[in-house]
Amino acid sequence: MVFKPLAGDPGHGYEATHLIDVCSAIVDAHRDGKLRPNQAFLGLQAEIIIRASAKLGIVALIDEATGYIADKRKEEYRDLFREFIRDEFREYKAEFPNQFFDMIYRLYRLPRGSNKNNHPQFFGHFIRRYIYEPLASSHGAILELLDERNPVVYVNGGRRYKMFQFLSDVVGLPALRAHLWQVVGIGNSVKNKDAFERSFLNAFPTLEREPLLPLFDD
């Protein structure tokens, strides 16, 4: 079909629901062992898309991303990502690898202490911005749902649980792990935090382009 984008010449595209059909074919190929080892990640990504959105849901996702429905109700968009969230927290098991924290220390040129589980407070802000806000291209919808499940309860801004303890086993956690390693890959490919910001926004252009928080420079 031919469509008129917000800017530029008319473009050619496909029905949004064809994406689900393509993902289904990729998942079937993965399960049948027809994908090469370096293509295995495609099977995971395709399954995430299928589980995160039904055919009606993918239309809504595209409408949201393109601004086709400018007055779309926020709650309808959030509903698309509820499958990522658990009703109750799961038992704690570390999900953030040491390589992720090593990357942040290097980008911000910070010395790492002897206690590998004790990190600067601003790491939490980094994780919210670069991990949870863009997770699964949810534009912060998943993060808002997690904030509701795991609110701030302590005076210092702390929460009872880790955010990932409320991610579902089938959809939420696989999406988090895939995103984490993608961020680690971006971080390890650059020399400093400014280069990381540029590379990250190129990879995730839907993330709001805000300057780095001032406390990152402290």
N, C-alpha and C. Protein backbone atom coordinates (compact mmCIF):
# COMPACT_ATOMS: atom_id res chain seq x y z
N MET A 1 0.84 -1.18 0.00
CA MET A 1 0.00 0.00 0.00
C MET A 1 0.88 1.24 0.00
N VAL A 2 0.33 2.33 -0.48
CA VAL A 2 1.02 3.62 -0.48
C VAL A 2 0.44 4.48 0.62
N PHE A 3 1.30 5.11 1.41
CA PHE A 3 0.83 5.96 2.50
C PHE A 3 1.61 7.26 2.50
N LYS A 4 1.03 8.26 3.13
CA LYS A 4 1.66 9.59 3.22
C LYS A 4 2.22 9.77 4.62
N PRO A 5 3.55 9.77 4.78
CA PRO A 5 4.15 10.00 6.12
C PRO A 5 3.95 11.45 6.55
N LEU A 6 4.34 11.72 7.80
CA LEU A 6 4.19 13.08 8.31
C LEU A 6 5.03 14.07 7.53
N ALA A 7 6.14 13.62 6.99
CA ALA A 7 7.00 14.49 6.20
C ALA A 7 7.62 13.67 5.07
N GLY A 8 7.85 14.32 3.94
CA GLY A 8 8.50 13.63 2.83
C GLY A 8 7.53 13.08 1.82
N ASP A 9 8.07 12.33 0.87
CA ASP A 9 7.27 11.79 -0.21
C ASP A 9 6.45 10.59 0.27
N PRO A 10 5.42 10.22 -0.50
CA PRO A 10 4.64 9.02 -0.16
C PRO A 10 5.53 7.80 -0.06
N GLY A 11 5.17 6.89 0.86
CA GLY A 11 5.96 5.69 1.07
C GLY A 11 5.15 4.45 0.75
N HIS A 12 5.83 3.32 0.66
CA HIS A 12 5.19 2.04 0.40
C HIS A 12 5.32 1.17 1.65
N GLY A 13 4.25 0.54 2.03
CA GLY A 13 4.28 -0.28 3.24
C GLY A 13 3.36 -1.48 3.12
N TYR A 14 3.25 -2.20 4.22
CA TYR A 14 2.42 -3.40 4.30
C TYR A 14 1.39 -3.22 5.41
N GLU A 15 0.37 -4.05 5.39
CA GLU A 15 -0.58 -4.06 6.49
C GLU A 15 0.17 -4.38 7.78
N ALA A 16 -0.17 -3.68 8.86
CA ALA A 16 0.55 -3.85 10.13
C ALA A 16 0.50 -5.29 10.62
N THR A 17 -0.61 -5.98 10.37
CA THR A 17 -0.75 -7.34 10.88
C THR A 17 0.20 -8.32 10.21
N HIS A 18 0.80 -7.95 9.06
CA HIS A 18 1.77 -8.83 8.41
C HIS A 18 2.99 -9.05 9.29
N LEU A 19 3.28 -8.10 10.18
CA LEU A 19 4.42 -8.26 11.07
C LEU A 19 4.27 -9.50 11.95
N ILE A 20 3.06 -9.75 12.44
CA ILE A 20 2.82 -10.93 13.26
C ILE A 20 3.03 -12.20 12.45
N ASP A 21 2.60 -12.20 11.20
CA ASP A 21 2.79 -13.37 10.34
C ASP A 21 4.27 -13.64 10.11
N VAL A 22 5.04 -12.59 9.90
CA VAL A 22 6.48 -12.75 9.71
C VAL A 22 7.14 -13.29 10.98
N CYS A 23 6.73 -12.73 12.14
CA CYS A 23 7.29 -13.19 13.41
C CYS A 23 6.95 -14.65 13.67
N SER A 24 5.74 -15.04 13.32
CA SER A 24 5.34 -16.44 13.51
C SER A 24 6.21 -17.37 12.67
N ALA A 25 6.52 -16.96 11.44
CA ALA A 25 7.38 -17.77 10.58
C ALA A 25 8.78 -17.89 11.16
N ILE A 26 9.29 -16.78 11.73
CA ILE A 26 10.63 -16.81 12.33
C ILE A 26 10.65 -17.72 13.55
N VAL A 27 9.61 -17.63 14.40
CA VAL A 27 9.54 -18.49 15.58
C VAL A 27 9.48 -19.96 15.17
N ASP A 28 8.69 -20.29 14.17
CA ASP A 28 8.61 -21.68 13.69
C ASP A 28 9.95 -22.16 13.17
N ALA A 29 10.65 -21.31 12.43
CA ALA A 29 11.97 -21.68 11.90
C ALA A 29 12.96 -21.91 13.03
N HIS A 30 12.86 -21.07 14.07
CA HIS A 30 13.76 -21.22 15.22
C HIS A 30 13.51 -22.54 15.94
N ARG A 31 12.24 -22.86 16.16
CA ARG A 31 11.90 -24.10 16.86
C ARG A 31 12.26 -25.34 16.05
N ASP A 32 12.24 -25.20 14.72
CA ASP A 32 12.58 -26.34 13.87
C ASP A 32 14.07 -26.44 13.59
N GLY A 33 14.85 -25.54 14.20
CA GLY A 33 16.29 -25.57 14.03
C GLY A 33 16.77 -25.10 12.67
N LYS A 34 15.98 -24.28 12.00
CA LYS A 34 16.32 -23.82 10.65
C LYS A 34 17.08 -22.51 10.65
N LEU A 35 17.23 -21.88 11.82
CA LEU A 35 18.00 -20.64 11.89
C LEU A 35 19.45 -20.95 12.21
N ARG A 36 20.36 -20.17 11.65
CA ARG A 36 21.77 -20.32 11.97
C ARG A 36 22.03 -19.81 13.38
N PRO A 37 23.11 -20.24 14.02
CA PRO A 37 23.40 -19.79 15.39
C PRO A 37 23.39 -18.28 15.55
N ASN A 38 23.92 -17.56 14.54
CA ASN A 38 23.95 -16.10 14.66
C ASN A 38 22.60 -15.46 14.37
N GLN A 39 21.59 -16.27 14.07
CA GLN A 39 20.22 -15.77 13.85
C GLN A 39 19.29 -16.14 14.99
N ALA A 40 19.80 -16.86 15.99
CA ALA A 40 18.94 -17.35 17.07
C ALA A 40 18.23 -16.21 17.80
N PHE A 41 18.91 -15.05 17.90
CA PHE A 41 18.30 -13.93 18.60
C PHE A 41 17.03 -13.45 17.91
N LEU A 42 16.91 -13.71 16.61
CA LEU A 42 15.71 -13.30 15.88
C LEU A 42 14.49 -14.06 16.39
N GLY A 43 14.70 -15.33 16.75
CA GLY A 43 13.59 -16.11 17.28
C GLY A 43 13.09 -15.54 18.59
N LEU A 44 14.02 -15.12 19.47
CA LEU A 44 13.63 -14.52 20.75
C LEU A 44 12.88 -13.22 20.52
N GLN A 45 13.42 -12.36 19.66
CA GLN A 45 12.77 -11.08 19.41
C GLN A 45 11.39 -11.26 18.79
N ALA A 46 11.27 -12.22 17.88
CA ALA A 46 9.97 -12.45 17.24
C ALA A 46 8.94 -12.93 18.25
N GLU A 47 9.37 -13.79 19.17
CA GLU A 47 8.44 -14.30 20.18
C GLU A 47 8.00 -13.19 21.13
N ILE A 48 8.92 -12.28 21.45
CA ILE A 48 8.57 -11.15 22.31
C ILE A 48 7.50 -10.30 21.65
N ILE A 49 7.66 -10.05 20.36
CA ILE A 49 6.68 -9.22 19.65
C ILE A 49 5.32 -9.90 19.62
N ILE A 50 5.31 -11.20 19.37
CA ILE A 50 4.04 -11.93 19.30
C ILE A 50 3.32 -11.90 20.63
N ARG A 51 4.07 -12.14 21.69
CA ARG A 51 3.44 -12.20 23.02
C ARG A 51 3.03 -10.82 23.51
N ALA A 52 3.75 -9.79 23.09
CA ALA A 52 3.47 -8.45 23.59
C ALA A 52 2.28 -7.80 22.92
N SER A 53 1.91 -8.31 21.76
CA SER A 53 0.83 -7.64 21.03
C SER A 53 0.07 -8.60 20.14
N ALA A 54 -1.21 -8.60 20.25
CA ALA A 54 -2.06 -9.32 19.32
C ALA A 54 -2.12 -8.50 18.04
N LYS A 55 -2.82 -9.00 17.01
CA LYS A 55 -2.86 -8.28 15.74
C LYS A 55 -3.48 -6.90 15.92
N LEU A 56 -4.45 -6.78 16.75
CA LEU A 56 -5.03 -5.47 17.00
C LEU A 56 -4.03 -4.59 17.74
N GLY A 57 -3.25 -5.21 18.65
CA GLY A 57 -2.28 -4.46 19.42
C GLY A 57 -1.18 -3.87 18.57
N ILE A 58 -0.71 -4.62 17.56
CA ILE A 58 0.38 -4.10 16.74
C ILE A 58 -0.06 -2.89 15.95
N VAL A 59 -1.33 -2.87 15.54
CA VAL A 59 -1.85 -1.68 14.86
C VAL A 59 -1.79 -0.48 15.79
N ALA A 60 -2.16 -0.69 17.06
CA ALA A 60 -2.12 0.39 18.03
C ALA A 60 -0.69 0.86 18.28
N LEU A 61 0.26 -0.08 18.34
CA LEU A 61 1.65 0.29 18.54
C LEU A 61 2.16 1.17 17.41
N ILE A 62 1.84 0.79 16.19
CA ILE A 62 2.31 1.58 15.04
C ILE A 62 1.64 2.94 15.02
N ASP A 63 0.35 2.97 15.33
CA ASP A 63 -0.36 4.24 15.40
C ASP A 63 0.28 5.16 16.42
N GLU A 64 0.69 4.59 17.56
CA GLU A 64 1.31 5.39 18.61
C GLU A 64 2.65 5.94 18.16
N ALA A 65 3.45 5.07 17.52
CA ALA A 65 4.79 5.47 17.10
C ALA A 65 4.76 6.52 16.00
N THR A 66 3.79 6.46 15.12
CA THR A 66 3.72 7.38 14.00
C THR A 66 2.88 8.61 14.29
N GLY A 67 2.21 8.63 15.44
CA GLY A 67 1.36 9.76 15.76
C GLY A 67 0.07 9.77 14.98
N TYR A 68 -0.31 8.61 14.43
CA TYR A 68 -1.52 8.54 13.60
C TYR A 68 -2.76 8.90 14.40
N ILE A 69 -2.80 8.50 15.69
CA ILE A 69 -3.91 8.86 16.56
C ILE A 69 -3.34 9.77 17.65
N ALA A 70 -3.41 11.04 17.43
CA ALA A 70 -2.75 11.98 18.33
C ALA A 70 -3.37 12.00 19.71
N ASP A 71 -4.69 11.75 19.79
CA ASP A 71 -5.37 11.84 21.08
C ASP A 71 -5.63 10.48 21.70
N LYS A 72 -4.78 9.51 21.36
CA LYS A 72 -4.95 8.15 21.88
C LYS A 72 -4.87 8.16 23.40
N ARG A 73 -5.78 7.46 24.04
CA ARG A 73 -5.77 7.43 25.50
C ARG A 73 -4.57 6.64 26.01
N LYS A 74 -3.89 7.19 26.99
CA LYS A 74 -2.68 6.57 27.52
C LYS A 74 -2.95 5.19 28.09
N GLU A 75 -4.09 5.00 28.73
CA GLU A 75 -4.39 3.71 29.35
C GLU A 75 -4.49 2.61 28.31
N GLU A 76 -5.01 2.91 27.14
CA GLU A 76 -5.10 1.90 26.08
C GLU A 76 -3.71 1.45 25.66
N TYR A 77 -2.79 2.38 25.60
CA TYR A 77 -1.42 2.05 25.22
C TYR A 77 -0.76 1.20 26.30
N ARG A 78 -0.96 1.56 27.53
CA ARG A 78 -0.40 0.81 28.65
C ARG A 78 -0.91 -0.63 28.67
N ASP A 79 -2.16 -0.82 28.28
CA ASP A 79 -2.74 -2.16 28.28
C ASP A 79 -1.96 -3.11 27.39
N LEU A 80 -1.34 -2.59 26.35
CA LEU A 80 -0.59 -3.45 25.43
C LEU A 80 0.60 -4.12 26.12
N PHE A 81 1.07 -3.54 27.22
CA PHE A 81 2.29 -4.04 27.85
C PHE A 81 2.03 -4.71 29.20
N ARG A 82 0.78 -4.93 29.54
CA ARG A 82 0.50 -5.55 30.84
C ARG A 82 1.01 -6.98 30.91
N GLU A 83 1.19 -7.62 29.76
CA GLU A 83 1.69 -8.99 29.76
C GLU A 83 3.15 -9.05 30.22
N PHE A 84 3.81 -7.91 30.25
CA PHE A 84 5.20 -7.86 30.71
C PHE A 84 5.28 -7.90 32.24
N ILE A 85 4.18 -7.67 32.93
CA ILE A 85 4.20 -7.41 34.37
C ILE A 85 3.54 -8.55 35.14
N ARG A 86 4.14 -8.92 36.26
CA ARG A 86 3.57 -9.90 37.18
C ARG A 86 2.67 -9.21 38.20
N ASP A 87 1.70 -9.95 38.71
CA ASP A 87 0.85 -9.40 39.78
C ASP A 87 1.59 -9.36 41.10
N GLU A 88 2.43 -10.35 41.34
CA GLU A 88 3.20 -10.44 42.59
C GLU A 88 4.68 -10.52 42.25
N PHE A 89 5.51 -10.03 43.17
CA PHE A 89 6.95 -10.08 42.93
C PHE A 89 7.43 -11.53 42.99
N ARG A 90 8.48 -11.81 42.23
CA ARG A 90 9.09 -13.14 42.25
C ARG A 90 10.30 -13.12 43.17
N GLU A 91 10.77 -14.28 43.52
CA GLU A 91 11.94 -14.39 44.38
C GLU A 91 13.14 -13.69 43.74
N TYR A 92 13.93 -13.01 44.56
CA TYR A 92 15.04 -12.23 44.02
C TYR A 92 16.09 -13.13 43.39
N LYS A 93 16.50 -12.75 42.19
CA LYS A 93 17.62 -13.36 41.51
C LYS A 93 18.24 -12.28 40.64
N ALA A 94 19.53 -12.05 40.80
CA ALA A 94 20.18 -10.95 40.10
C ALA A 94 20.00 -11.06 38.59
N GLU A 95 19.64 -9.95 37.96
CA GLU A 95 19.43 -9.94 36.51
C GLU A 95 20.42 -9.03 35.79
N PHE A 96 21.01 -8.08 36.51
CA PHE A 96 21.95 -7.16 35.87
C PHE A 96 23.36 -7.72 35.99
N PRO A 97 24.00 -8.05 34.85
CA PRO A 97 25.34 -8.67 34.89
C PRO A 97 26.40 -7.66 35.30
N ASN A 98 27.52 -8.18 35.79
CA ASN A 98 28.63 -7.31 36.18
C ASN A 98 29.13 -6.47 35.00
N GLN A 99 29.03 -7.03 33.79
CA GLN A 99 29.49 -6.30 32.61
C GLN A 99 28.72 -4.99 32.43
N PHE A 100 27.45 -4.98 32.83
CA PHE A 100 26.64 -3.78 32.72
C PHE A 100 27.18 -2.68 33.64
N PHE A 101 27.46 -3.03 34.88
CA PHE A 101 27.97 -2.05 35.83
C PHE A 101 29.40 -1.63 35.49
N ASP A 102 30.21 -2.58 35.01
CA ASP A 102 31.56 -2.24 34.58
C ASP A 102 31.52 -1.18 33.49
N MET A 103 30.54 -1.31 32.59
CA MET A 103 30.38 -0.36 31.50
C MET A 103 30.11 1.05 32.03
N ILE A 104 29.20 1.16 33.01
CA ILE A 104 28.86 2.48 33.55
C ILE A 104 30.06 3.10 34.25
N TYR A 105 30.76 2.32 35.06
CA TYR A 105 31.94 2.85 35.74
C TYR A 105 32.96 3.38 34.73
N ARG A 106 33.14 2.65 33.64
CA ARG A 106 34.12 3.08 32.65
C ARG A 106 33.65 4.34 31.93
N LEU A 107 32.38 4.38 31.52
CA LEU A 107 31.87 5.54 30.78
C LEU A 107 31.96 6.82 31.60
N TYR A 108 31.72 6.71 32.92
CA TYR A 108 31.74 7.90 33.78
C TYR A 108 33.05 8.05 34.53
N ARG A 109 34.02 7.19 34.18
CA ARG A 109 35.37 7.28 34.74
C ARG A 109 35.34 7.30 36.26
N LEU A 110 34.62 6.35 36.82
CA LEU A 110 34.49 6.23 38.27
C LEU A 110 35.28 5.02 38.76
N PRO A 111 35.92 5.14 39.91
CA PRO A 111 36.60 3.97 40.49
C PRO A 111 35.56 3.00 41.05
N ARG A 112 35.83 1.73 40.92
CA ARG A 112 34.90 0.73 41.44
C ARG A 112 35.40 0.23 42.78
N GLY A 113 34.51 0.27 43.79
CA GLY A 113 34.90 -0.15 45.13
C GLY A 113 35.01 -1.66 45.25
N SER A 114 35.43 -2.08 46.44
CA SER A 114 35.62 -3.52 46.66
C SER A 114 34.30 -4.27 46.75
N ASN A 115 33.23 -3.57 47.18
CA ASN A 115 31.91 -4.19 47.26
C ASN A 115 31.21 -4.07 45.91
N LYS A 116 31.16 -5.15 45.15
CA LYS A 116 30.62 -5.11 43.80
C LYS A 116 29.11 -4.94 43.77
N ASN A 117 28.45 -5.04 44.92
CA ASN A 117 27.00 -4.87 44.97
C ASN A 117 26.57 -3.50 45.47
N ASN A 118 27.55 -2.64 45.76
CA ASN A 118 27.25 -1.31 46.28
C ASN A 118 27.66 -0.27 45.24
N HIS A 119 26.66 0.32 44.57
CA HIS A 119 26.93 1.24 43.47
C HIS A 119 26.45 2.65 43.82
N PRO A 120 26.98 3.67 43.13
CA PRO A 120 26.50 5.04 43.36
C PRO A 120 25.00 5.15 43.13
N GLN A 121 24.36 6.05 43.83
CA GLN A 121 22.90 6.17 43.77
C GLN A 121 22.40 6.53 42.37
N PHE A 122 23.19 7.31 41.62
CA PHE A 122 22.71 7.74 40.32
C PHE A 122 22.61 6.58 39.32
N PHE A 123 23.19 5.41 39.64
CA PHE A 123 23.04 4.25 38.76
C PHE A 123 21.56 3.91 38.60
N GLY A 124 20.78 4.16 39.66
CA GLY A 124 19.35 3.89 39.57
C GLY A 124 18.68 4.77 38.52
N HIS A 125 19.11 6.03 38.43
CA HIS A 125 18.58 6.94 37.41
C HIS A 125 19.00 6.48 36.02
N PHE A 126 20.23 6.02 35.90
CA PHE A 126 20.74 5.52 34.62
C PHE A 126 19.89 4.33 34.16
N ILE A 127 19.60 3.42 35.09
CA ILE A 127 18.83 2.22 34.75
C ILE A 127 17.41 2.57 34.33
N ARG A 128 16.80 3.53 35.03
CA ARG A 128 15.44 3.94 34.66
C ARG A 128 15.42 4.51 33.24
N ARG A 129 16.40 5.38 32.94
CA ARG A 129 16.39 6.07 31.65
C ARG A 129 16.75 5.16 30.49
N TYR A 130 17.79 4.34 30.65
CA TYR A 130 18.33 3.60 29.52
C TYR A 130 17.86 2.14 29.47
N ILE A 131 17.29 1.64 30.55
CA ILE A 131 16.82 0.25 30.54
C ILE A 131 15.29 0.19 30.57
N TYR A 132 14.68 0.73 31.61
CA TYR A 132 13.24 0.52 31.76
C TYR A 132 12.39 1.44 30.89
N GLU A 133 12.81 2.68 30.69
CA GLU A 133 11.98 3.60 29.90
C GLU A 133 11.84 3.15 28.45
N PRO A 134 12.93 2.76 27.77
CA PRO A 134 12.77 2.33 26.37
C PRO A 134 12.48 0.84 26.21
N LEU A 135 12.34 0.09 27.30
CA LEU A 135 12.17 -1.36 27.21
C LEU A 135 11.01 -1.73 26.29
N ALA A 136 11.30 -2.57 25.30
CA ALA A 136 10.31 -3.06 24.34
C ALA A 136 9.60 -1.93 23.60
N SER A 137 10.31 -0.80 23.42
CA SER A 137 9.74 0.37 22.73
C SER A 137 8.42 0.80 23.35
N SER A 138 8.36 0.73 24.70
CA SER A 138 7.11 1.01 25.40
C SER A 138 6.93 2.48 25.74
N HIS A 139 7.91 3.33 25.41
CA HIS A 139 7.81 4.76 25.68
C HIS A 139 7.55 5.04 27.17
N GLY A 140 8.08 4.21 28.05
CA GLY A 140 7.90 4.42 29.48
C GLY A 140 6.67 3.76 30.06
N ALA A 141 5.83 3.12 29.23
CA ALA A 141 4.61 2.50 29.74
C ALA A 141 4.92 1.34 30.69
N ILE A 142 5.92 0.53 30.36
CA ILE A 142 6.30 -0.58 31.24
C ILE A 142 6.84 -0.02 32.55
N LEU A 143 7.64 1.03 32.48
CA LEU A 143 8.20 1.63 33.69
C LEU A 143 7.08 2.15 34.59
N GLU A 144 6.06 2.76 34.03
CA GLU A 144 4.95 3.26 34.83
C GLU A 144 4.22 2.12 35.52
N LEU A 145 4.03 1.02 34.82
CA LEU A 145 3.37 -0.14 35.43
C LEU A 145 4.22 -0.70 36.56
N LEU A 146 5.54 -0.74 36.37
CA LEU A 146 6.44 -1.23 37.42
C LEU A 146 6.42 -0.29 38.62
N ASP A 147 6.37 1.02 38.39
CA ASP A 147 6.30 1.98 39.49
C ASP A 147 5.04 1.76 40.32
N GLU A 148 3.94 1.38 39.67
CA GLU A 148 2.70 1.12 40.39
C GLU A 148 2.82 -0.14 41.24
N ARG A 149 3.46 -1.17 40.69
CA ARG A 149 3.63 -2.42 41.44
C ARG A 149 4.63 -2.27 42.58
N ASN A 150 5.64 -1.43 42.37
CA ASN A 150 6.76 -1.34 43.31
C ASN A 150 7.02 0.13 43.64
N PRO A 151 6.13 0.76 44.40
CA PRO A 151 6.26 2.20 44.67
C PRO A 151 7.39 2.52 45.65
N VAL A 152 7.76 3.78 45.70
CA VAL A 152 8.72 4.26 46.68
C VAL A 152 8.07 4.21 48.06
N VAL A 153 8.76 3.59 49.03
CA VAL A 153 8.19 3.46 50.37
C VAL A 153 9.12 3.99 51.45
N TYR A 154 10.36 4.31 51.10
CA TYR A 154 11.31 4.77 52.09
C TYR A 154 11.62 6.26 51.87
N VAL A 155 12.02 6.92 52.95
CA VAL A 155 12.28 8.35 52.90
C VAL A 155 13.38 8.69 51.90
N ASN A 156 14.36 7.82 51.77
CA ASN A 156 15.47 8.08 50.86
C ASN A 156 15.14 7.75 49.41
N GLY A 157 13.87 7.43 49.12
CA GLY A 157 13.45 7.12 47.75
C GLY A 157 13.56 5.66 47.39
N GLY A 158 13.86 4.81 48.38
CA GLY A 158 14.02 3.39 48.12
C GLY A 158 12.70 2.65 47.97
N ARG A 159 12.78 1.46 47.38
CA ARG A 159 11.62 0.60 47.17
C ARG A 159 11.86 -0.74 47.84
N ARG A 160 10.80 -1.48 48.09
CA ARG A 160 10.94 -2.77 48.77
C ARG A 160 11.63 -3.80 47.89
N TYR A 161 11.40 -3.73 46.59
CA TYR A 161 11.88 -4.77 45.68
C TYR A 161 12.63 -4.14 44.51
N LYS A 162 13.30 -5.00 43.76
CA LYS A 162 13.91 -4.58 42.51
C LYS A 162 12.81 -4.58 41.44
N MET A 163 12.90 -3.65 40.50
CA MET A 163 11.88 -3.55 39.47
C MET A 163 11.71 -4.86 38.70
N PHE A 164 12.83 -5.52 38.39
CA PHE A 164 12.74 -6.71 37.55
C PHE A 164 12.04 -7.87 38.25
N GLN A 165 11.85 -7.78 39.57
CA GLN A 165 11.12 -8.83 40.27
C GLN A 165 9.64 -8.85 39.89
N PHE A 166 9.18 -7.81 39.22
CA PHE A 166 7.79 -7.74 38.78
C PHE A 166 7.64 -7.96 37.27
N LEU A 167 8.72 -8.33 36.59
CA LEU A 167 8.62 -8.65 35.18
C LEU A 167 8.23 -10.12 35.00
N SER A 168 7.36 -10.38 34.06
CA SER A 168 6.86 -11.74 33.85
C SER A 168 7.96 -12.64 33.29
N ASP A 169 7.89 -13.92 33.63
CA ASP A 169 8.92 -14.87 33.23
C ASP A 169 8.94 -15.10 31.71
N VAL A 170 7.77 -15.13 31.10
CA VAL A 170 7.67 -15.51 29.69
C VAL A 170 7.97 -14.34 28.76
N VAL A 171 7.54 -13.14 29.13
CA VAL A 171 7.69 -12.00 28.23
C VAL A 171 8.63 -10.93 28.81
N GLY A 172 8.36 -10.49 30.03
CA GLY A 172 9.09 -9.36 30.58
C GLY A 172 10.58 -9.60 30.76
N LEU A 173 10.94 -10.70 31.42
CA LEU A 173 12.36 -10.96 31.69
C LEU A 173 13.17 -11.21 30.42
N PRO A 174 12.69 -12.01 29.46
CA PRO A 174 13.45 -12.16 28.22
C PRO A 174 13.68 -10.83 27.50
N ALA A 175 12.66 -9.95 27.53
CA ALA A 175 12.82 -8.64 26.89
C ALA A 175 13.87 -7.82 27.62
N LEU A 176 13.87 -7.86 28.96
CA LEU A 176 14.86 -7.14 29.75
C LEU A 176 16.27 -7.63 29.44
N ARG A 177 16.45 -8.95 29.42
CA ARG A 177 17.79 -9.50 29.19
C ARG A 177 18.31 -9.14 27.81
N ALA A 178 17.45 -9.23 26.81
CA ALA A 178 17.87 -8.87 25.45
C ALA A 178 18.26 -7.39 25.38
N HIS A 179 17.47 -6.54 26.02
CA HIS A 179 17.75 -5.10 26.00
C HIS A 179 19.03 -4.79 26.77
N LEU A 180 19.22 -5.45 27.91
CA LEU A 180 20.42 -5.21 28.71
C LEU A 180 21.69 -5.45 27.89
N TRP A 181 21.74 -6.57 27.21
CA TRP A 181 22.95 -6.89 26.46
C TRP A 181 23.12 -5.98 25.25
N GLN A 182 22.01 -5.49 24.72
CA GLN A 182 22.12 -4.51 23.64
C GLN A 182 22.74 -3.22 24.15
N VAL A 183 22.32 -2.79 25.35
CA VAL A 183 22.89 -1.58 25.95
C VAL A 183 24.37 -1.79 26.28
N VAL A 184 24.71 -2.95 26.80
CA VAL A 184 26.11 -3.25 27.10
C VAL A 184 26.94 -3.19 25.81
N GLY A 185 26.39 -3.72 24.72
CA GLY A 185 27.09 -3.67 23.45
C GLY A 185 27.34 -2.24 22.98
N ILE A 186 26.32 -1.38 23.15
CA ILE A 186 26.49 0.03 22.78
C ILE A 186 27.55 0.68 23.66
N GLY A 187 27.47 0.44 24.97
CA GLY A 187 28.41 1.05 25.90
C GLY A 187 29.85 0.62 25.66
N ASN A 188 30.04 -0.65 25.33
CA ASN A 188 31.39 -1.15 25.12
C ASN A 188 31.99 -0.71 23.79
N SER A 189 31.15 -0.15 22.92
CA SER A 189 31.64 0.27 21.60
C SER A 189 32.06 1.74 21.57
N VAL A 190 31.86 2.46 22.69
CA VAL A 190 32.18 3.89 22.73
C VAL A 190 33.16 4.17 23.86
N LYS A 191 33.69 5.41 23.87
CA LYS A 191 34.74 5.75 24.82
C LYS A 191 34.26 6.50 26.05
N ASN A 192 33.14 7.22 25.94
CA ASN A 192 32.71 8.04 27.07
C ASN A 192 31.20 8.18 27.08
N LYS A 193 30.68 8.86 28.11
CA LYS A 193 29.24 8.95 28.31
C LYS A 193 28.54 9.78 27.22
N ASP A 194 29.23 10.78 26.68
CA ASP A 194 28.61 11.58 25.63
C ASP A 194 28.44 10.77 24.35
N ALA A 195 29.45 9.98 24.03
CA ALA A 195 29.36 9.11 22.85
C ALA A 195 28.29 8.04 23.07
N PHE A 196 28.19 7.57 24.30
CA PHE A 196 27.15 6.59 24.62
C PHE A 196 25.76 7.18 24.39
N GLU A 197 25.55 8.41 24.86
CA GLU A 197 24.25 9.06 24.70
C GLU A 197 23.88 9.17 23.22
N ARG A 198 24.82 9.58 22.40
CA ARG A 198 24.55 9.72 20.97
C ARG A 198 24.24 8.37 20.34
N SER A 199 25.03 7.37 20.66
CA SER A 199 24.82 6.05 20.07
C SER A 199 23.51 5.43 20.54
N PHE A 200 23.19 5.67 21.81
CA PHE A 200 21.96 5.11 22.36
C PHE A 200 20.74 5.74 21.68
N LEU A 201 20.75 7.05 21.49
CA LEU A 201 19.62 7.71 20.86
C LEU A 201 19.49 7.36 19.39
N ASN A 202 20.60 7.00 18.76
CA ASN A 202 20.52 6.50 17.38
C ASN A 202 19.86 5.14 17.34
N ALA A 203 20.14 4.32 18.36
CA ALA A 203 19.55 2.98 18.40
C ALA A 203 18.10 3.01 18.87
N PHE A 204 17.77 3.98 19.75
CA PHE A 204 16.42 4.09 20.31
C PHE A 204 15.93 5.53 20.11
N PRO A 205 15.60 5.90 18.89
CA PRO A 205 15.25 7.31 18.61
C PRO A 205 13.96 7.76 19.26
N THR A 206 13.12 6.82 19.74
CA THR A 206 11.86 7.22 20.36
C THR A 206 12.04 7.71 21.78
N LEU A 207 13.23 7.46 22.39
CA LEU A 207 13.48 7.95 23.74
C LEU A 207 13.57 9.46 23.70
N GLU A 208 12.90 10.10 24.64
CA GLU A 208 12.89 11.56 24.66
C GLU A 208 14.31 12.10 24.75
N ARG A 209 14.62 13.03 23.88
CA ARG A 209 15.99 13.55 23.81
C ARG A 209 16.22 14.62 24.87
N GLU A 210 16.49 14.18 26.07
CA GLU A 210 16.78 15.09 27.17
C GLU A 210 18.28 15.04 27.44
N PRO A 211 18.86 16.13 27.93
CA PRO A 211 20.28 16.10 28.28
C PRO A 211 20.52 15.17 29.46
N LEU A 212 21.74 14.69 29.59
CA LEU A 212 22.08 13.85 30.72
C LEU A 212 21.82 14.59 32.02
N LEU A 213 21.36 13.86 33.03
CA LEU A 213 21.09 14.50 34.32
C LEU A 213 22.38 15.12 34.86
N PRO A 214 22.31 16.31 35.45
CA PRO A 214 23.50 16.98 35.94
C PRO A 214 24.29 16.13 36.93
N LEU A 215 23.61 15.34 37.72
CA LEU A 215 24.32 14.57 38.74
C LEU A 215 25.24 13.53 38.12
N PHE A 216 25.07 13.22 36.84
CA PHE A 216 25.96 12.28 36.18
C PHE A 216 27.37 12.84 36.07
N ASP A 217 27.48 14.16 36.14
CA ASP A 217 28.80 14.77 36.01
C ASP A 217 29.49 14.94 37.37
N ASP A 218 28.77 14.64 38.46
CA ASP A 218 29.34 14.83 39.78
C ASP A 218 30.27 13.69 40.13
